[in-house]
Amino acid sequence: MTFFKQQPDVGVAGSIATTENKDVISRTVESDNGIAFGLAVAQGENDKGIRMVKAGDTKFVGITALDLSSRVDNQFSQHEDARVLIRGVIWVSVTEDVAAGDDVAVDLATGKFNKAGAKFANARYETSAKAGSLAQVRIN
């Protein structure tokens, strides 16, 4: 008898979690220090630009998706084209305990995820996780 895992092994922040249909767009990084994988991003000053989130943001473009061809190991550099997931399931770091089915919110100080920050529209946690670990987020 063969058994299959109910959940895939934990990936890394920004890795796309499933093979389901997804939409990934390309946006130019405007933030001086770049943007790490697996963070919420907001509209930049330029068309098709993105930046790190900041206090007051209420709308998010999506979540930066891991790209092994990036020039820096753990992030997209300023002026680099970033992969941004706008629909699908992705691994993210959480700053507080979350449960599957919870609404997703963004910690505007870090771009990481929780339940208490700025609400991320059309998103929910697919998996539960303890603070400081990874959870899957689904964006519809």
Protein backbone atom coordinates (compact mmCIF):
# COMPACT_ATOMS: atom_id res chain seq x y z
CA MET A 1 0.00 0.00 0.00
CA THR A 2 1.37 3.40 -1.00
CA PHE A 3 0.75 6.47 1.11
CA PHE A 4 1.03 10.03 -0.10
CA LYS A 5 1.78 13.12 1.97
CA GLN A 6 -1.19 15.36 2.61
CA GLN A 7 1.09 18.42 2.52
CA PRO A 8 4.34 18.94 0.62
CA ASP A 9 7.50 19.51 2.63
CA VAL A 10 8.09 23.10 3.72
CA GLY A 11 9.87 25.09 1.05
CA VAL A 12 11.52 28.45 1.45
CA ALA A 13 9.95 31.89 1.60
CA GLY A 14 8.86 32.86 -1.89
CA SER A 15 8.78 29.37 -3.37
CA ILE A 16 5.59 28.53 -5.22
CA ALA A 17 3.97 25.78 -3.17
CA THR A 18 1.84 23.83 -5.64
CA THR A 19 1.56 22.97 -9.31
CA GLU A 20 -1.96 24.42 -9.48
CA ASN A 21 -2.77 27.20 -11.91
CA LYS A 22 -1.00 30.42 -10.99
CA ASP A 23 -0.36 33.88 -12.36
CA VAL A 24 3.11 35.38 -12.04
CA ILE A 25 3.85 38.84 -13.38
CA SER A 26 7.11 40.72 -13.89
CA ARG A 27 7.66 44.07 -12.15
CA THR A 28 10.73 46.31 -11.79
CA VAL A 29 12.12 46.68 -8.26
CA GLU A 30 12.35 50.33 -7.17
CA SER A 31 13.44 49.82 -3.52
CA ASP A 32 17.06 50.93 -2.95
CA ASN A 33 17.97 47.79 -0.98
CA GLY A 34 16.06 45.40 -3.23
CA ILE A 35 13.24 43.11 -2.12
CA ALA A 36 13.64 39.64 -0.61
CA PHE A 37 11.67 36.64 -1.85
CA GLY A 38 8.32 35.90 -0.21
CA LEU A 39 7.37 39.47 0.75
CA ALA A 40 4.30 41.54 0.01
CA VAL A 41 4.98 44.39 -2.41
CA ALA A 42 3.16 47.61 -3.29
CA GLN A 43 2.87 49.68 -6.45
CA GLY A 44 5.99 51.74 -7.09
CA GLU A 45 6.21 55.27 -8.44
CA ASN A 46 6.58 54.05 -12.03
CA ASP A 47 4.23 52.00 -14.17
CA LYS A 48 5.02 48.32 -13.58
CA GLY A 49 7.28 49.22 -10.65
CA ILE A 50 7.13 47.68 -7.17
CA ARG A 51 8.54 48.68 -3.81
CA MET A 52 8.68 47.38 -0.26
CA VAL A 53 5.48 47.98 1.67
CA LYS A 54 5.35 50.88 4.13
CA ALA A 55 3.03 52.36 6.76
CA GLY A 56 -0.33 53.30 5.28
CA ASP A 57 -0.34 50.76 2.45
CA THR A 58 -3.69 49.03 1.99
CA LYS A 59 -3.34 47.53 -1.49
CA PHE A 60 -0.71 45.02 -2.54
CA VAL A 61 0.49 44.00 -5.99
CA GLY A 62 1.36 40.47 -4.86
CA ILE A 63 4.14 38.42 -3.26
CA THR A 64 7.70 38.18 -4.61
CA ALA A 65 8.36 34.68 -5.92
CA LEU A 66 11.68 32.86 -5.65
CA ASP A 67 13.79 33.16 -8.78
CA LEU A 68 17.00 31.13 -8.93
CA SER A 69 18.32 33.33 -11.74
CA SER A 70 18.26 36.45 -9.55
CA ARG A 71 21.62 38.19 -9.28
CA VAL A 72 21.53 37.97 -5.47
CA ASP A 73 20.81 34.68 -3.66
CA ASN A 74 17.87 35.74 -1.49
CA GLN A 75 16.36 38.80 -3.16
CA PHE A 76 15.73 40.88 -6.24
CA SER A 77 18.07 43.88 -6.57
CA GLN A 78 16.99 47.43 -7.35
CA HIS A 79 16.11 47.81 -11.09
CA GLU A 80 15.92 44.01 -11.50
CA ASP A 81 12.74 42.47 -12.91
CA ALA A 82 11.04 40.54 -10.11
CA ARG A 83 8.61 37.64 -10.35
CA VAL A 84 5.45 38.52 -8.42
CA LEU A 85 2.74 35.96 -7.69
CA ILE A 86 -0.73 37.48 -8.04
CA ARG A 87 -2.73 34.22 -8.02
CA GLY A 88 -1.73 30.84 -6.65
CA VAL A 89 -0.15 29.32 -3.52
CA ILE A 90 3.22 30.46 -2.13
CA TRP A 91 5.32 29.90 1.01
CA VAL A 92 5.69 32.97 3.27
CA SER A 93 7.22 33.79 6.66
CA VAL A 94 4.70 34.59 9.40
CA THR A 95 5.28 36.92 12.34
CA GLU A 96 2.55 35.37 14.53
CA ASP A 97 0.77 32.02 14.81
CA VAL A 98 -1.70 31.47 11.96
CA ALA A 99 -4.23 28.75 11.19
CA ALA A 100 -5.46 27.33 7.90
CA GLY A 101 -8.44 29.39 6.78
CA ASP A 102 -7.36 32.61 8.53
CA ASP A 103 -7.41 35.84 6.55
CA VAL A 104 -3.97 37.08 5.52
CA ALA A 105 -2.52 40.40 6.63
CA VAL A 106 0.81 42.12 6.06
CA ASP A 107 3.24 43.43 8.67
CA LEU A 108 3.99 46.81 7.04
CA ALA A 109 7.32 47.11 8.88
CA THR A 110 8.75 43.93 7.31
CA GLY A 111 6.55 42.85 4.37
CA LYS A 112 6.08 39.48 6.11
CA PHE A 113 2.70 38.03 6.99
CA ASN A 114 0.35 37.77 9.99
CA LYS A 115 -3.34 38.18 10.87
CA ALA A 116 -3.22 41.58 12.60
CA GLY A 117 -1.65 43.89 10.00
CA ALA A 118 -3.00 45.43 6.80
CA LYS A 119 -5.44 42.96 5.21
CA PHE A 120 -4.29 41.30 1.98
CA ALA A 121 -7.43 41.16 -0.19
CA ASN A 122 -8.48 37.79 -1.63
CA ALA A 123 -5.91 35.81 0.35
CA ARG A 124 -6.15 33.09 3.01
CA TYR A 125 -3.76 30.77 4.83
CA GLU A 126 -3.76 27.28 3.37
CA THR A 127 -1.65 25.84 6.20
CA SER A 128 -1.13 26.59 9.88
CA ALA A 129 2.22 27.80 11.21
CA LYS A 130 3.88 29.10 14.37
CA ALA A 131 5.40 32.59 14.55
CA GLY A 132 8.78 32.68 12.81
CA SER A 133 8.05 29.74 10.52
CA LEU A 134 6.54 29.28 7.06
CA ALA A 135 2.93 28.93 5.95
CA GLN A 136 1.26 28.60 2.58
CA VAL A 137 -0.82 31.55 1.40
CA ARG A 138 -3.40 31.26 -1.38
CA ILE A 139 -4.16 34.36 -3.43
CA ASN A 140 -7.36 34.13 -5.50
